[in-house]
C-alpha cells in the first residue's frame, strides 16, 4: 500500500471516528442508552487503533520511498 493510500484510509477512519464521537456527544446530551455509549467507546478505541496502524504504514512507505 502506498503512502497516499494509507493516508487516505487514515482520513476515512478519522471521519468515521468523528461520526462516532458526535453520536456519543448526542447520547450524553439526551437520555441515551448507557449500553450504546459503551459500544461507541469500544468502536472509538478500535478506530483509533486502525488510524494508528494506517499512519504507521504510511510512515514505513514514505521511508521506503526515500531509500529507493
N, C-alpha and C. Protein backbone atom coordinates (compact mmCIF):
# COMPACT_ATOMS: atom_id res chain seq x y z
N UNK A 1 0.85 -1.17 0.00
CA UNK A 1 0.00 0.00 0.00
C UNK A 1 0.90 1.24 0.00
N UNK A 2 0.56 2.20 -0.82
CA UNK A 2 1.38 3.40 -0.93
C UNK A 2 1.10 4.36 0.22
N UNK A 3 1.97 5.34 0.33
CA UNK A 3 1.79 6.37 1.37
C UNK A 3 0.46 7.07 1.20
N UNK A 4 0.14 7.46 -0.03
CA UNK A 4 -1.11 8.16 -0.29
C UNK A 4 -2.33 7.32 0.06
N UNK A 5 -2.28 6.03 -0.26
CA UNK A 5 -3.39 5.14 0.05
C UNK A 5 -3.57 5.01 1.56
N UNK A 6 -2.47 4.88 2.28
CA UNK A 6 -2.55 4.77 3.74
C UNK A 6 -3.09 6.05 4.35
N UNK A 7 -2.64 7.19 3.85
CA UNK A 7 -3.13 8.46 4.37
C UNK A 7 -4.61 8.66 4.06
N UNK A 8 -5.03 8.26 2.87
CA UNK A 8 -6.45 8.36 2.51
C UNK A 8 -7.29 7.48 3.42
N UNK A 9 -6.81 6.26 3.66
CA UNK A 9 -7.52 5.35 4.56
C UNK A 9 -7.57 5.93 5.98
N UNK A 10 -6.50 6.53 6.44
CA UNK A 10 -6.48 7.14 7.77
C UNK A 10 -7.49 8.28 7.84
N UNK A 11 -7.60 9.06 6.78
CA UNK A 11 -8.57 10.16 6.75
C UNK A 11 -10.00 9.62 6.81
N UNK A 12 -10.26 8.51 6.10
CA UNK A 12 -11.58 7.89 6.14
C UNK A 12 -11.90 7.41 7.56
N UNK A 13 -10.92 6.79 8.19
CA UNK A 13 -11.11 6.32 9.56
C UNK A 13 -11.34 7.48 10.52
N UNK A 14 -10.64 8.57 10.32
CA UNK A 14 -10.84 9.75 11.18
C UNK A 14 -12.24 10.33 10.99
N UNK A 15 -12.76 10.29 9.76
CA UNK A 15 -14.13 10.76 9.52
C UNK A 15 -15.13 9.87 10.26
N UNK A 16 -14.90 8.57 10.22
CA UNK A 16 -15.76 7.65 10.97
C UNK A 16 -15.66 7.90 12.47
N UNK A 17 -14.44 8.19 12.93
CA UNK A 17 -14.23 8.49 14.34
C UNK A 17 -15.03 9.72 14.74
N UNK A 18 -15.01 10.74 13.91
CA UNK A 18 -15.75 11.96 14.21
C UNK A 18 -17.26 11.68 14.26
N UNK A 19 -17.76 10.83 13.36
CA UNK A 19 -19.18 10.49 13.36
C UNK A 19 -19.56 9.76 14.65
N UNK A 20 -18.72 8.85 15.09
CA UNK A 20 -18.99 8.11 16.33
C UNK A 20 -18.91 9.06 17.52
N UNK A 21 -17.93 9.95 17.51
CA UNK A 21 -17.80 10.92 18.60
C UNK A 21 -19.03 11.82 18.68
N UNK A 22 -19.53 12.24 17.53
CA UNK A 22 -20.72 13.09 17.50
C UNK A 22 -21.93 12.33 18.06
N UNK A 23 -22.06 11.06 17.71
CA UNK A 23 -23.17 10.26 18.24
C UNK A 23 -23.04 10.11 19.76
N UNK A 24 -21.83 9.91 20.23
CA UNK A 24 -21.59 9.79 21.67
C UNK A 24 -21.95 11.09 22.38
N UNK A 25 -21.59 12.21 21.79
CA UNK A 25 -21.93 13.50 22.36
C UNK A 25 -23.44 13.69 22.41
N UNK A 26 -24.11 13.28 21.34
CA UNK A 26 -25.57 13.38 21.29
C UNK A 26 -26.20 12.53 22.39
N UNK A 27 -25.66 11.35 22.61
CA UNK A 27 -26.17 10.49 23.68
C UNK A 27 -25.99 11.15 25.05
N UNK A 28 -24.86 11.82 25.24
CA UNK A 28 -24.58 12.43 26.54
C UNK A 28 -25.49 13.62 26.82
N UNK A 29 -26.01 14.23 25.76
CA UNK A 29 -26.88 15.40 25.94
C UNK A 29 -28.34 15.01 26.18
N UNK A 30 -28.67 13.79 25.81
CA UNK A 30 -30.05 13.34 25.98
C UNK A 30 -30.12 12.19 26.95
N UNK A 31 -31.15 11.41 26.78
CA UNK A 31 -31.32 10.25 27.62
C UNK A 31 -30.86 9.02 26.86
N UNK A 32 -29.60 9.01 26.53
CA UNK A 32 -29.04 7.91 25.75
C UNK A 32 -28.86 6.65 26.57
N UNK A 33 -28.76 5.58 25.86
CA UNK A 33 -28.57 4.28 26.47
C UNK A 33 -27.12 4.12 26.92
N UNK A 34 -26.89 3.76 28.17
CA UNK A 34 -25.52 3.51 28.64
C UNK A 34 -24.86 2.37 27.84
N UNK A 35 -25.65 1.39 27.44
CA UNK A 35 -25.10 0.28 26.66
C UNK A 35 -24.58 0.78 25.31
N UNK A 36 -25.35 1.68 24.69
CA UNK A 36 -24.93 2.23 23.40
C UNK A 36 -23.67 3.07 23.58
N UNK A 37 -23.59 3.81 24.65
CA UNK A 37 -22.40 4.62 24.92
C UNK A 37 -21.17 3.72 25.05
N UNK A 38 -21.32 2.60 25.74
CA UNK A 38 -20.20 1.67 25.89
C UNK A 38 -19.81 1.09 24.53
N UNK A 39 -20.79 0.77 23.70
CA UNK A 39 -20.50 0.27 22.34
C UNK A 39 -19.71 1.31 21.55
N UNK A 40 -20.15 2.56 21.64
CA UNK A 40 -19.48 3.63 20.90
C UNK A 40 -18.05 3.84 21.39
N UNK A 41 -17.84 3.76 22.69
CA UNK A 41 -16.48 3.90 23.22
C UNK A 41 -15.58 2.78 22.72
N UNK A 42 -16.12 1.57 22.64
CA UNK A 42 -15.35 0.46 22.08
C UNK A 42 -15.02 0.68 20.62
N UNK A 43 -16.01 1.21 19.89
CA UNK A 43 -15.78 1.50 18.47
C UNK A 43 -14.72 2.58 18.30
N UNK A 44 -14.77 3.60 19.14
CA UNK A 44 -13.75 4.66 19.09
C UNK A 44 -12.35 4.08 19.34
N UNK A 45 -12.26 3.18 20.28
CA UNK A 45 -10.97 2.55 20.58
C UNK A 45 -10.46 1.78 19.37
N UNK A 46 -11.33 1.01 18.73
CA UNK A 46 -10.93 0.24 17.54
C UNK A 46 -10.52 1.16 16.40
N UNK A 47 -11.27 2.24 16.21
CA UNK A 47 -10.94 3.18 15.14
C UNK A 47 -9.60 3.86 15.40
N UNK A 48 -9.34 4.22 16.65
CA UNK A 48 -8.05 4.85 16.99
C UNK A 48 -6.89 3.92 16.67
N UNK A 49 -7.05 2.65 16.99
CA UNK A 49 -6.00 1.67 16.68
C UNK A 49 -5.81 1.55 15.18
N UNK A 50 -6.90 1.54 14.42
CA UNK A 50 -6.81 1.42 12.97
C UNK A 50 -6.13 2.64 12.36
N UNK A 51 -6.44 3.83 12.88
CA UNK A 51 -5.78 5.05 12.40
C UNK A 51 -4.28 4.97 12.67
N UNK A 52 -3.92 4.55 13.85
CA UNK A 52 -2.50 4.42 14.21
C UNK A 52 -1.79 3.44 13.26
N UNK A 53 -2.44 2.33 12.96
CA UNK A 53 -1.85 1.34 12.04
C UNK A 53 -1.64 1.94 10.65
N UNK A 54 -2.63 2.67 10.16
CA UNK A 54 -2.51 3.27 8.83
C UNK A 54 -1.41 4.32 8.79
N UNK A 55 -1.30 5.12 9.84
CA UNK A 55 -0.24 6.13 9.88
C UNK A 55 1.13 5.47 9.95
N UNK A 56 1.23 4.36 10.65
CA UNK A 56 2.49 3.62 10.70
C UNK A 56 2.83 3.08 9.32
N UNK A 57 1.83 2.53 8.62
CA UNK A 57 2.06 2.05 7.25
C UNK A 57 2.52 3.17 6.34
N UNK A 58 1.88 4.33 6.47
CA UNK A 58 2.25 5.48 5.64
C UNK A 58 3.68 5.90 5.92
N UNK A 59 4.06 5.91 7.19
CA UNK A 59 5.42 6.29 7.54
C UNK A 59 6.43 5.30 6.96
N UNK A 60 6.14 4.01 7.08
CA UNK A 60 7.04 3.00 6.54
C UNK A 60 7.16 3.12 5.01
N UNK A 61 6.02 3.36 4.36
CA UNK A 61 6.04 3.51 2.91
C UNK A 61 6.86 4.73 2.50
N UNK A 62 6.71 5.82 3.24
CA UNK A 62 7.47 7.03 2.93
C UNK A 62 8.95 6.81 3.15
N UNK A 63 9.31 6.09 4.20
CA UNK A 63 10.72 5.79 4.46
C UNK A 63 11.29 4.88 3.38
N UNK A 64 10.50 3.92 2.92
CA UNK A 64 10.95 3.01 1.86
C UNK A 64 11.14 3.78 0.55
N UNK A 65 10.22 4.70 0.27
CA UNK A 65 10.35 5.52 -0.93
C UNK A 65 11.58 6.41 -0.88
N UNK A 66 11.89 6.93 0.30
CA UNK A 66 13.04 7.82 0.47
C UNK A 66 14.34 7.06 0.27
N UNK A 67 14.36 5.79 0.61
CA UNK A 67 15.57 4.99 0.48
C UNK A 67 15.78 4.48 -0.93
N UNK A 68 14.74 4.46 -1.74
CA UNK A 68 14.91 3.93 -3.09
C UNK A 68 15.12 4.99 -4.14
